[in-house]
PDB file of N, CA and C in Angstrom:
ATOM      1  N   MET A   1     -19.597 -47.044  -8.880  1.00  0.00           N
ATOM      2  CA  MET A   1     -18.513 -46.586  -8.039  1.00  0.00           C
ATOM      3  C   MET A   1     -18.503 -45.058  -8.010  1.00  0.00           C
ATOM      4  N   GLN A   2     -18.375 -44.529  -6.852  1.00  0.00           N
ATOM      5  CA  GLN A   2     -18.427 -43.080  -6.675  1.00  0.00           C
ATOM      6  C   GLN A   2     -17.011 -42.523  -6.539  1.00  0.00           C
ATOM      7  N   ALA A   3     -16.812 -41.324  -7.142  1.00  0.00           N
ATOM      8  CA  ALA A   3     -15.485 -40.696  -7.086  1.00  0.00           C
ATOM      9  C   ALA A   3     -15.208 -40.196  -5.670  1.00  0.00           C
ATOM     10  N   ALA A   4     -13.960 -40.243  -5.314  1.00  0.00           N
ATOM     11  CA  ALA A   4     -13.556 -39.756  -3.995  1.00  0.00           C
ATOM     12  C   ALA A   4     -13.726 -38.246  -3.943  1.00  0.00           C
ATOM     13  N   PRO A   5     -14.156 -37.696  -2.822  1.00  0.00           N
ATOM     14  CA  PRO A   5     -14.318 -36.241  -2.725  1.00  0.00           C
ATOM     15  C   PRO A   5     -12.975 -35.531  -2.910  1.00  0.00           C
ATOM     16  N   VAL A   6     -13.046 -34.412  -3.577  1.00  0.00           N
ATOM     17  CA  VAL A   6     -11.843 -33.627  -3.844  1.00  0.00           C
ATOM     18  C   VAL A   6     -11.733 -32.539  -2.794  1.00  0.00           C
ATOM     19  N   ARG A   7     -10.573 -32.445  -2.199  1.00  0.00           N
ATOM     20  CA  ARG A   7     -10.333 -31.372  -1.231  1.00  0.00           C
ATOM     21  C   ARG A   7      -9.530 -30.284  -1.909  1.00  0.00           C
ATOM     22  N   ALA A   8     -10.072 -29.105  -1.898  1.00  0.00           N
ATOM     23  CA  ALA A   8      -9.360 -27.973  -2.488  1.00  0.00           C
ATOM     24  C   ALA A   8      -8.688 -27.191  -1.367  1.00  0.00           C
ATOM     25  N   THR A   9      -7.396 -27.179  -1.388  1.00  0.00           N
ATOM     26  CA  THR A   9      -6.674 -26.376  -0.413  1.00  0.00           C
ATOM     27  C   THR A   9      -6.130 -25.159  -1.140  1.00  0.00           C
ATOM     28  N   ALA A  10      -6.397 -24.028  -0.604  1.00  0.00           N
ATOM     29  CA  ALA A  10      -5.963 -22.786  -1.229  1.00  0.00           C
ATOM     30  C   ALA A  10      -4.451 -22.659  -1.140  1.00  0.00           C
ATOM     31  N   ILE A  11      -3.871 -22.261  -2.244  1.00  0.00           N
ATOM     32  CA  ILE A  11      -2.439 -21.997  -2.254  1.00  0.00           C
ATOM     33  C   ILE A  11      -2.235 -20.647  -1.581  1.00  0.00           C
ATOM     34  N   PRO A  12      -1.354 -20.580  -0.613  1.00  0.00           N
ATOM     35  CA  PRO A  12      -1.180 -19.295   0.084  1.00  0.00           C
ATOM     36  C   PRO A  12      -0.653 -18.221  -0.865  1.00  0.00           C
ATOM     37  N   SER A  13      -1.100 -17.016  -0.623  1.00  0.00           N
ATOM     38  CA  SER A  13      -0.633 -15.903  -1.446  1.00  0.00           C
ATOM     39  C   SER A  13       0.828 -15.620  -1.119  1.00  0.00           C
ATOM     40  N   PHE A  14       1.459 -14.852  -1.969  1.00  0.00           N
ATOM     41  CA  PHE A  14       2.854 -14.485  -1.765  1.00  0.00           C
ATOM     42  C   PHE A  14       3.008 -13.744  -0.439  1.00  0.00           C
ATOM     43  N   THR A  15       2.063 -12.851  -0.154  1.00  0.00           N
ATOM     44  CA  THR A  15       2.108 -12.086   1.099  1.00  0.00           C
ATOM     45  C   THR A  15       2.007 -13.019   2.303  1.00  0.00           C
ATOM     46  N   THR A  16       1.113 -13.975   2.218  1.00  0.00           N
ATOM     47  CA  THR A  16       0.950 -14.926   3.316  1.00  0.00           C
ATOM     48  C   THR A  16       2.230 -15.739   3.532  1.00  0.00           C
ATOM     49  N   ALA A  17       2.836 -16.150   2.436  1.00  0.00           N
ATOM     50  CA  ALA A  17       4.082 -16.913   2.537  1.00  0.00           C
ATOM     51  C   ALA A  17       5.192 -16.066   3.158  1.00  0.00           C
ATOM     52  N   LEU A  18       5.296 -14.807   2.737  1.00  0.00           N
ATOM     53  CA  LEU A  18       6.313 -13.919   3.314  1.00  0.00           C
ATOM     54  C   LEU A  18       6.090 -13.709   4.803  1.00  0.00           C
ATOM     55  N   ARG A  19       4.846 -13.544   5.189  1.00  0.00           N
ATOM     56  CA  ARG A  19       4.555 -13.352   6.619  1.00  0.00           C
ATOM     57  C   ARG A  19       4.905 -14.601   7.419  1.00  0.00           C
ATOM     58  N   ALA A  20       4.699 -15.775   6.840  1.00  0.00           N
ATOM     59  CA  ALA A  20       5.054 -17.012   7.531  1.00  0.00           C
ATOM     60  C   ALA A  20       6.563 -17.086   7.740  1.00  0.00           C
ATOM     61  N   VAL A  21       7.318 -16.763   6.702  1.00  0.00           N
ATOM     62  CA  VAL A  21       8.781 -16.766   6.824  1.00  0.00           C
ATOM     63  C   VAL A  21       9.219 -15.706   7.822  1.00  0.00           C
ATOM     64  N   GLU A  22       8.587 -14.537   7.740  1.00  0.00           N
ATOM     65  CA  GLU A  22       8.907 -13.448   8.659  1.00  0.00           C
ATOM     66  C   GLU A  22       8.682 -13.888  10.107  1.00  0.00           C
ATOM     67  N   SER A  23       7.587 -14.579  10.356  1.00  0.00           N
ATOM     68  CA  SER A  23       7.292 -14.998  11.732  1.00  0.00           C
ATOM     69  C   SER A  23       8.299 -16.016  12.242  1.00  0.00           C
ATOM     70  N   LEU A  24       8.857 -16.809  11.339  1.00  0.00           N
ATOM     71  CA  LEU A  24       9.878 -17.773  11.760  1.00  0.00           C
ATOM     72  C   LEU A  24      11.210 -17.100  12.070  1.00  0.00           C
ATOM     73  N   LEU A  25      11.526 -16.037  11.330  1.00  0.00           N
ATOM     74  CA  LEU A  25      12.846 -15.416  11.448  1.00  0.00           C
ATOM     75  C   LEU A  25      12.927 -14.288  12.470  1.00  0.00           C
ATOM     76  N   MET A  26      11.821 -13.647  12.751  1.00  0.00           N
ATOM     77  CA  MET A  26      11.865 -12.460  13.613  1.00  0.00           C
ATOM     78  C   MET A  26      11.002 -12.624  14.851  1.00  0.00           C
ATOM     79  N   SER A  27      11.385 -11.908  15.862  1.00  0.00           N
ATOM     80  CA  SER A  27      10.537 -11.872  17.055  1.00  0.00           C
ATOM     81  C   SER A  27       9.334 -10.993  16.749  1.00  0.00           C
ATOM     82  N   SER A  28       8.328 -11.048  17.585  1.00  0.00           N
ATOM     83  CA  SER A  28       7.111 -10.274  17.323  1.00  0.00           C
ATOM     84  C   SER A  28       7.374  -8.774  17.362  1.00  0.00           C
ATOM     85  N   GLY A  29       8.302  -8.328  18.194  1.00  0.00           N
ATOM     86  CA  GLY A  29       8.624  -6.896  18.243  1.00  0.00           C
ATOM     87  C   GLY A  29       9.233  -6.411  16.943  1.00  0.00           C
ATOM     88  N   GLN A  30      10.083  -7.229  16.343  1.00  0.00           N
ATOM     89  CA  GLN A  30      10.680  -6.854  15.061  1.00  0.00           C
ATOM     90  C   GLN A  30       9.639  -6.842  13.958  1.00  0.00           C
ATOM     91  N   ARG A  31       8.721  -7.799  13.997  1.00  0.00           N
ATOM     92  CA  ARG A  31       7.641  -7.832  12.996  1.00  0.00           C
ATOM     93  C   ARG A  31       6.799  -6.581  13.095  1.00  0.00           C
ATOM     94  N   THR A  32       6.459  -6.206  14.318  1.00  0.00           N
ATOM     95  CA  THR A  32       5.643  -5.013  14.529  1.00  0.00           C
ATOM     96  C   THR A  32       6.372  -3.775  14.031  1.00  0.00           C
ATOM     97  N   ALA A  33       7.647  -3.676  14.347  1.00  0.00           N
ATOM     98  CA  ALA A  33       8.433  -2.524  13.905  1.00  0.00           C
ATOM     99  C   ALA A  33       8.490  -2.457  12.383  1.00  0.00           C
ATOM    100  N   ARG A  34       8.693  -3.593  11.744  1.00  0.00           N
ATOM    101  CA  ARG A  34       8.757  -3.624  10.268  1.00  0.00           C
ATOM    102  C   ARG A  34       7.421  -3.220   9.652  1.00  0.00           C
ATOM    103  N   ARG A  35       6.345  -3.731  10.196  1.00  0.00           N
ATOM    104  CA  ARG A  35       5.014  -3.370   9.670  1.00  0.00           C
ATOM    105  C   ARG A  35       4.715  -1.892   9.901  1.00  0.00           C
ATOM    106  N   ASN A  36       5.085  -1.387  11.058  1.00  0.00           N
ATOM    107  CA  ASN A  36       4.881   0.040  11.318  1.00  0.00           C
ATOM    108  C   ASN A  36       5.698   0.893  10.352  1.00  0.00           C
ATOM    109  N   ALA A  37       6.923   0.472  10.081  1.00  0.00           N
ATOM    110  CA  ALA A  37       7.768   1.218   9.144  1.00  0.00           C
ATOM    111  C   ALA A  37       7.158   1.196   7.749  1.00  0.00           C
ATOM    112  N   TRP A  38       6.650   0.054   7.313  1.00  0.00           N
ATOM    113  CA  TRP A  38       6.058  -0.035   5.981  1.00  0.00           C
ATOM    114  C   TRP A  38       4.784   0.813   5.907  1.00  0.00           C
ATOM    115  N   THR A  39       3.984   0.800   6.960  1.00  0.00           N
ATOM    116  CA  THR A  39       2.790   1.643   6.989  1.00  0.00           C
ATOM    117  C   THR A  39       3.172   3.108   6.888  1.00  0.00           C
ATOM    118  N   SER A  40       4.240   3.490   7.546  1.00  0.00           N
ATOM    119  CA  SER A  40       4.732   4.866   7.477  1.00  0.00           C
ATOM    120  C   SER A  40       5.183   5.228   6.065  1.00  0.00           C
ATOM    121  N   VAL A  41       5.871   4.303   5.401  1.00  0.00           N
ATOM    122  CA  VAL A  41       6.300   4.542   4.022  1.00  0.00           C
ATOM    123  C   VAL A  41       5.088   4.759   3.114  1.00  0.00           C
ATOM    124  N   LEU A  42       4.087   3.914   3.259  1.00  0.00           N
ATOM    125  CA  LEU A  42       2.889   4.051   2.435  1.00  0.00           C
ATOM    126  C   LEU A  42       2.177   5.373   2.699  1.00  0.00           C
ATOM    127  N   GLU A  43       2.119   5.775   3.955  1.00  0.00           N
ATOM    128  CA  GLU A  43       1.478   7.042   4.306  1.00  0.00           C
ATOM    129  C   GLU A  43       2.266   8.220   3.749  1.00  0.00           C
ATOM    130  N   ASP A  44       3.594   8.156   3.805  1.00  0.00           N
ATOM    131  CA  ASP A  44       4.426   9.221   3.220  1.00  0.00           C
ATOM    132  C   ASP A  44       4.193   9.327   1.720  1.00  0.00           C
ATOM    133  N   ARG A  45       4.089   8.192   1.055  1.00  0.00           N
ATOM    134  CA  ARG A  45       3.826   8.206  -0.391  1.00  0.00           C
ATOM    135  C   ARG A  45       2.472   8.840  -0.687  1.00  0.00           C
ATOM    136  N   ARG A  46       1.468   8.506   0.138  1.00  0.00           N
ATOM    137  CA  ARG A  46       0.135   9.074  -0.073  1.00  0.00           C
ATOM    138  C   ARG A  46       0.155  10.588   0.108  1.00  0.00           C
ATOM    139  N   ARG A  47       0.857  11.046   1.156  1.00  0.00           N
ATOM    140  CA  ARG A  47       0.948  12.490   1.380  1.00  0.00           C
ATOM    141  C   ARG A  47       1.687  13.190   0.248  1.00  0.00           C
ATOM    142  N   ALA A  48       2.737  12.570  -0.267  1.00  0.00           N
ATOM    143  CA  ALA A  48       3.480  13.155  -1.388  1.00  0.00           C
ATOM    144  C   ALA A  48       2.586  13.252  -2.615  1.00  0.00           C
ATOM    145  N   LYS A  49       1.810  12.241  -2.867  1.00  0.00           N
ATOM    146  CA  LYS A  49       0.875  12.263  -4.002  1.00  0.00           C
ATOM    147  C   LYS A  49      -0.153  13.377  -3.817  1.00  0.00           C
ATOM    148  N   ASP A  50      -0.655  13.517  -2.585  1.00  0.00           N
ATOM    149  CA  ASP A  50      -1.617  14.593  -2.298  1.00  0.00           C
ATOM    150  C   ASP A  50      -0.989  15.967  -2.505  1.00  0.00           C
ATOM    151  N   ARG A  51       0.277  16.138  -2.098  1.00  0.00           N
ATOM    152  CA  ARG A  51       0.962  17.423  -2.297  1.00  0.00           C
ATOM    153  C   ARG A  51       1.097  17.756  -3.773  1.00  0.00           C
ATOM    154  N   VAL A  52       1.467  16.764  -4.572  1.00  0.00           N
ATOM    155  CA  VAL A  52       1.620  16.982  -6.010  1.00  0.00           C
ATOM    156  C   VAL A  52       0.276  17.381  -6.626  1.00  0.00           C
ATOM    157  N   GLU A  53      -0.773  16.674  -6.253  1.00  0.00           N
ATOM    158  CA  GLU A  53      -2.107  16.979  -6.774  1.00  0.00           C
ATOM    159  C   GLU A  53      -2.561  18.374  -6.351  1.00  0.00           C
ATOM    160  N   THR A  54      -2.328  18.735  -5.097  1.00  0.00           N
ATOM    161  CA  THR A  54      -2.704  20.064  -4.609  1.00  0.00           C
ATOM    162  C   THR A  54      -1.938  21.146  -5.353  1.00  0.00           C
ATOM    163  N   GLN A  55      -0.651  20.926  -5.574  1.00  0.00           N
ATOM    164  CA  GLN A  55       0.153  21.905  -6.314  1.00  0.00           C
ATOM    165  C   GLN A  55      -0.355  22.064  -7.738  1.00  0.00           C
ATOM    166  N   ARG A  56      -0.736  20.967  -8.368  1.00  0.00           N
ATOM    167  CA  ARG A  56      -1.260  21.016  -9.731  1.00  0.00           C
ATOM    168  C   ARG A  56      -2.551  21.828  -9.783  1.00  0.00           C
ATOM    169  N   VAL A  57      -3.444  21.599  -8.825  1.00  0.00           N
ATOM    170  CA  VAL A  57      -4.713  22.336  -8.776  1.00  0.00           C
ATOM    171  C   VAL A  57      -4.453  23.823  -8.534  1.00  0.00           C
ATOM    172  N   LEU A  58      -3.537  24.137  -7.615  1.00  0.00           N
ATOM    173  CA  LEU A  58      -3.215  25.537  -7.343  1.00  0.00           C
ATOM    174  C   LEU A  58      -2.615  26.216  -8.572  1.00  0.00           C
ATOM    175  N   ASP A  59      -1.711  25.534  -9.260  1.00  0.00           N
ATOM    176  CA  ASP A  59      -1.105  26.091 -10.468  1.00  0.00           C
ATOM    177  C   ASP A  59      -2.154  26.352 -11.541  1.00  0.00           C
ATOM    178  N   GLN A  60      -3.096  25.443 -11.678  1.00  0.00           N
ATOM    179  CA  GLN A  60      -4.160  25.629 -12.670  1.00  0.00           C
ATOM    180  C   GLN A  60      -5.044  26.813 -12.299  1.00  0.00           C
ATOM    181  N   SER A  61      -5.370  26.941 -11.021  1.00  0.00           N
ATOM    182  CA  SER A  61      -6.244  28.046 -10.611  1.00  0.00           C
ATOM    183  C   SER A  61      -5.538  29.386 -10.781  1.00  0.00           C
ATOM    184  N   VAL A  62      -4.236  29.437 -10.533  1.00  0.00           N
ATOM    185  CA  VAL A  62      -3.480  30.683 -10.714  1.00  0.00           C
ATOM    186  C   VAL A  62      -3.430  31.023 -12.197  1.00  0.00           C
ATOM    187  N   SER A  63      -3.184  30.063 -13.049  1.00  0.00           N
ATOM    188  CA  SER A  63      -3.091  30.338 -14.490  1.00  0.00           C
ATOM    189  C   SER A  63      -4.445  30.774 -15.037  1.00  0.00           C
ATOM    190  N   ARG A  64      -5.537  30.249 -14.501  1.00  0.00           N
ATOM    191  CA  ARG A  64      -6.878  30.676 -14.938  1.00  0.00           C
ATOM    192  C   ARG A  64      -7.141  32.104 -14.507  1.00  0.00           C
ATOM    193  N   SER A  65      -6.788  32.443 -13.256  1.00  0.00           N
ATOM    194  CA  SER A  65      -7.067  33.790 -12.770  1.00  0.00           C
ATOM    195  C   SER A  65      -6.222  34.831 -13.494  1.00  0.00           C
ATOM    196  N   VAL A  66      -5.017  34.483 -13.888  1.00  0.00           N
ATOM    197  CA  VAL A  66      -4.161  35.398 -14.633  1.00  0.00           C
ATOM    198  C   VAL A  66      -4.717  35.599 -16.036  1.00  0.00           C
ATOM    199  N   SER A  67      -5.210  34.557 -16.676  1.00  0.00           N
ATOM    200  CA  SER A  67      -5.712  34.667 -18.036  1.00  0.00           C
ATOM    201  C   SER A  67      -7.081  35.347 -18.083  1.00  0.00           C
ATOM    202  N   VAL A  68      -7.827  35.368 -16.977  1.00  0.00           N
ATOM    203  CA  VAL A  68      -9.148  35.997 -16.937  1.00  0.00           C
ATOM    204  C   VAL A  68      -9.018  37.509 -16.773  1.00  0.00           C
ATOM    205  N   ARG A  69      -7.983  37.971 -16.112  1.00  0.00           N
ATOM    206  CA  ARG A  69      -7.837  39.403 -15.862  1.00  0.00           C
ATOM    207  C   ARG A  69      -7.598  40.157 -17.178  1.00  0.00           C
ATOM    208  N   PRO A  70      -8.200  41.381 -17.296  1.00  0.00           N
ATOM    209  CA  PRO A  70      -8.021  42.173 -18.531  1.00  0.00           C
ATOM    210  C   PRO A  70      -6.643  42.766 -18.654  1.00  0.00           C
TER     211      PRO A  70
END
């Protein structure tokens, strides 16, 4: 007797589940607006991180140039 084939169905990720609920509750225009807003938030965070890093590098270069001068 041969075992029945096993079907593996992937459990949806949390993100996939949220998007499914989102699609049921919102019109496509609202979904687009929400995604655009979230993309903007992520981009703002990236720019803020870049500013902090740039400031750190500038501060280090200024402190090196001050300590090198006689």
